[in-house]
Amino acid sequence: MEQDLTSLQETLAHMAQDLRDLSDELYQQQKDMAALRTEIEHLRQKIKTAGTDSGILRPEEDSPPPHY
């Protein structure tokens, strides 16, 4: 009986450690996702402004070269 109790306590201790590890990993992933969302938003804004400042014309704005 005491052996069973000890075994259950060991199992519970391992499960508690696994739960802490998973919680820590989840927290880190949430931080990473927040950073990635911020980076994506920064890149979206950069793309929006680059479309007007890049000097590259859209096809409808570009005239054909003189040899055509």
N, C-alpha and C. Protein backbone atom coordinates (compact mmCIF):
# COMPACT_ATOMS: atom_id res chain seq x y z
N MET A 1 0.82 -1.19 0.00
CA MET A 1 0.00 0.00 0.00
C MET A 1 0.87 1.26 0.00
N GLU A 2 1.92 1.24 0.85
CA GLU A 2 2.79 2.41 0.92
C GLU A 2 3.55 2.59 -0.40
N GLN A 3 3.89 1.48 -1.03
CA GLN A 3 4.58 1.54 -2.33
C GLN A 3 3.67 2.22 -3.37
N ASP A 4 2.39 1.89 -3.34
CA ASP A 4 1.44 2.50 -4.27
C ASP A 4 1.32 4.00 -4.03
N LEU A 5 1.28 4.39 -2.79
CA LEU A 5 1.19 5.81 -2.44
C LEU A 5 2.44 6.56 -2.91
N THR A 6 3.60 5.98 -2.69
CA THR A 6 4.85 6.59 -3.13
C THR A 6 4.87 6.72 -4.66
N SER A 7 4.42 5.69 -5.33
CA SER A 7 4.37 5.71 -6.79
C SER A 7 3.44 6.81 -7.29
N LEU A 8 2.29 6.94 -6.66
CA LEU A 8 1.35 8.00 -7.04
C LEU A 8 1.92 9.39 -6.77
N GLN A 9 2.62 9.54 -5.67
CA GLN A 9 3.24 10.83 -5.36
C GLN A 9 4.32 11.18 -6.38
N GLU A 10 5.11 10.20 -6.78
CA GLU A 10 6.14 10.43 -7.79
C GLU A 10 5.50 10.82 -9.12
N THR A 11 4.45 10.11 -9.49
CA THR A 11 3.76 10.42 -10.74
C THR A 11 3.18 11.82 -10.70
N LEU A 12 2.57 12.18 -9.59
CA LEU A 12 2.01 13.52 -9.43
C LEU A 12 3.10 14.59 -9.52
N ALA A 13 4.25 14.33 -8.91
CA ALA A 13 5.35 15.29 -8.96
C ALA A 13 5.84 15.48 -10.39
N HIS A 14 5.95 14.39 -11.15
CA HIS A 14 6.38 14.48 -12.55
C HIS A 14 5.35 15.23 -13.38
N MET A 15 4.08 14.95 -13.14
CA MET A 15 3.03 15.63 -13.88
C MET A 15 2.99 17.13 -13.56
N ALA A 16 3.22 17.47 -12.30
CA ALA A 16 3.25 18.87 -11.91
C ALA A 16 4.42 19.58 -12.60
N GLN A 17 5.57 18.93 -12.67
CA GLN A 17 6.73 19.52 -13.36
C GLN A 17 6.44 19.68 -14.85
N ASP A 18 5.83 18.67 -15.45
CA ASP A 18 5.47 18.76 -16.87
C ASP A 18 4.50 19.91 -17.11
N LEU A 19 3.56 20.10 -16.22
CA LEU A 19 2.60 21.19 -16.34
C LEU A 19 3.30 22.54 -16.25
N ARG A 20 4.25 22.67 -15.33
CA ARG A 20 5.02 23.92 -15.23
C ARG A 20 5.83 24.15 -16.51
N ASP A 21 6.44 23.10 -17.03
CA ASP A 21 7.22 23.23 -18.27
C ASP A 21 6.33 23.67 -19.43
N LEU A 22 5.16 23.07 -19.53
CA LEU A 22 4.23 23.44 -20.60
C LEU A 22 3.76 24.88 -20.44
N SER A 23 3.50 25.27 -19.22
CA SER A 23 3.07 26.64 -18.96
C SER A 23 4.16 27.64 -19.36
N ASP A 24 5.40 27.33 -19.01
CA ASP A 24 6.51 28.20 -19.39
C ASP A 24 6.66 28.28 -20.90
N GLU A 25 6.52 27.16 -21.57
CA GLU A 25 6.63 27.13 -23.03
C GLU A 25 5.50 27.93 -23.67
N LEU A 26 4.30 27.80 -23.16
CA LEU A 26 3.16 28.54 -23.68
C LEU A 26 3.37 30.04 -23.50
N TYR A 27 3.86 30.44 -22.36
CA TYR A 27 4.14 31.85 -22.11
C TYR A 27 5.17 32.38 -23.10
N GLN A 28 6.23 31.61 -23.35
CA GLN A 28 7.26 32.05 -24.30
C GLN A 28 6.68 32.15 -25.71
N GLN A 29 5.84 31.21 -26.09
CA GLN A 29 5.23 31.25 -27.41
C GLN A 29 4.31 32.46 -27.55
N GLN A 30 3.60 32.80 -26.50
CA GLN A 30 2.73 33.98 -26.55
C GLN A 30 3.56 35.24 -26.73
N LYS A 31 4.70 35.33 -26.03
CA LYS A 31 5.58 36.48 -26.20
C LYS A 31 6.12 36.54 -27.63
N ASP A 32 6.52 35.38 -28.17
CA ASP A 32 7.04 35.34 -29.53
C ASP A 32 5.97 35.76 -30.54
N MET A 33 4.75 35.28 -30.33
CA MET A 33 3.67 35.64 -31.25
C MET A 33 3.37 37.14 -31.19
N ALA A 34 3.41 37.73 -30.02
CA ALA A 34 3.18 39.17 -29.90
C ALA A 34 4.28 39.94 -30.64
N ALA A 35 5.51 39.48 -30.50
CA ALA A 35 6.61 40.14 -31.21
C ALA A 35 6.45 39.99 -32.72
N LEU A 36 6.04 38.82 -33.16
CA LEU A 36 5.83 38.60 -34.59
C LEU A 36 4.68 39.44 -35.12
N ARG A 37 3.62 39.57 -34.35
CA ARG A 37 2.51 40.43 -34.77
C ARG A 37 2.96 41.88 -34.94
N THR A 38 3.77 42.33 -34.00
CA THR A 38 4.31 43.69 -34.08
C THR A 38 5.17 43.85 -35.33
N GLU A 39 6.01 42.87 -35.58
CA GLU A 39 6.87 42.92 -36.77
C GLU A 39 6.06 42.89 -38.06
N ILE A 40 5.02 42.07 -38.09
CA ILE A 40 4.16 42.01 -39.29
C ILE A 40 3.49 43.36 -39.52
N GLU A 41 3.00 43.97 -38.46
CA GLU A 41 2.35 45.28 -38.61
C GLU A 41 3.36 46.32 -39.09
N HIS A 42 4.57 46.26 -38.57
CA HIS A 42 5.63 47.18 -39.03
C HIS A 42 5.90 46.97 -40.52
N LEU A 43 5.99 45.72 -40.94
CA LEU A 43 6.24 45.43 -42.36
C LEU A 43 5.07 45.86 -43.24
N ARG A 44 3.85 45.70 -42.75
CA ARG A 44 2.68 46.17 -43.51
C ARG A 44 2.75 47.67 -43.75
N GLN A 45 3.08 48.40 -42.69
CA GLN A 45 3.19 49.84 -42.82
C GLN A 45 4.32 50.22 -43.77
N LYS A 46 5.41 49.49 -43.70
CA LYS A 46 6.55 49.77 -44.58
C LYS A 46 6.18 49.51 -46.04
N ILE A 47 5.44 48.44 -46.28
CA ILE A 47 5.01 48.12 -47.64
C ILE A 47 4.05 49.20 -48.17
N LYS A 48 3.14 49.65 -47.31
CA LYS A 48 2.20 50.69 -47.73
C LYS A 48 2.93 51.96 -48.12
N THR A 49 3.92 52.36 -47.34
CA THR A 49 4.63 53.59 -47.65
C THR A 49 5.62 53.38 -48.80
N ALA A 50 6.14 52.18 -48.94
CA ALA A 50 7.11 51.92 -50.02
C ALA A 50 6.43 51.97 -51.38
N GLY A 51 5.16 51.68 -51.43
CA GLY A 51 4.44 51.71 -52.70
C GLY A 51 4.42 53.09 -53.30
N THR A 52 4.43 54.13 -52.49
CA THR A 52 4.38 55.50 -53.00
C THR A 52 5.76 56.13 -53.09
N ASP A 53 6.72 55.66 -52.32
CA ASP A 53 8.03 56.28 -52.26
C ASP A 53 9.12 55.53 -53.02
N SER A 54 8.80 54.41 -53.63
CA SER A 54 9.85 53.58 -54.21
C SER A 54 10.36 54.08 -55.55
N GLY A 55 9.60 54.91 -56.24
CA GLY A 55 10.00 55.38 -57.55
C GLY A 55 9.65 54.40 -58.66
N ILE A 56 9.09 53.28 -58.31
CA ILE A 56 8.68 52.29 -59.31
C ILE A 56 7.25 52.60 -59.72
N LEU A 57 7.05 52.75 -61.02
CA LEU A 57 5.72 53.07 -61.52
C LEU A 57 4.89 51.81 -61.69
N ARG A 58 3.60 51.98 -61.50
CA ARG A 58 2.69 50.88 -61.80
C ARG A 58 2.58 50.77 -63.31
N PRO A 59 2.17 49.61 -63.84
CA PRO A 59 2.10 49.44 -65.29
C PRO A 59 1.25 50.50 -65.99
N GLU A 60 0.16 50.91 -65.40
CA GLU A 60 -0.69 51.91 -66.05
C GLU A 60 -0.08 53.31 -66.02
N GLU A 61 0.89 53.55 -65.15
CA GLU A 61 1.57 54.84 -65.07
C GLU A 61 2.81 54.90 -65.98
N ASP A 62 3.32 53.77 -66.35
CA ASP A 62 4.56 53.69 -67.11
C ASP A 62 4.29 53.84 -68.60
N SER A 63 5.09 54.64 -69.27
CA SER A 63 4.96 54.77 -70.73
C SER A 63 5.97 53.84 -71.40
N PRO A 64 5.67 53.36 -72.59
CA PRO A 64 6.61 52.45 -73.26
C PRO A 64 7.90 53.17 -73.63
N PRO A 65 8.98 52.44 -73.74
CA PRO A 65 10.25 53.06 -74.12
C PRO A 65 10.18 53.63 -75.54
N PRO A 66 11.05 54.56 -75.88
CA PRO A 66 10.97 55.27 -77.17
C PRO A 66 11.12 54.35 -78.40
N HIS A 67 11.75 53.22 -78.29
CA HIS A 67 11.97 52.39 -79.46
C HIS A 67 10.74 51.56 -79.83
N TYR A 68 9.62 51.71 -79.11
CA TYR A 68 8.40 50.99 -79.48
C TYR A 68 7.60 51.77 -80.44
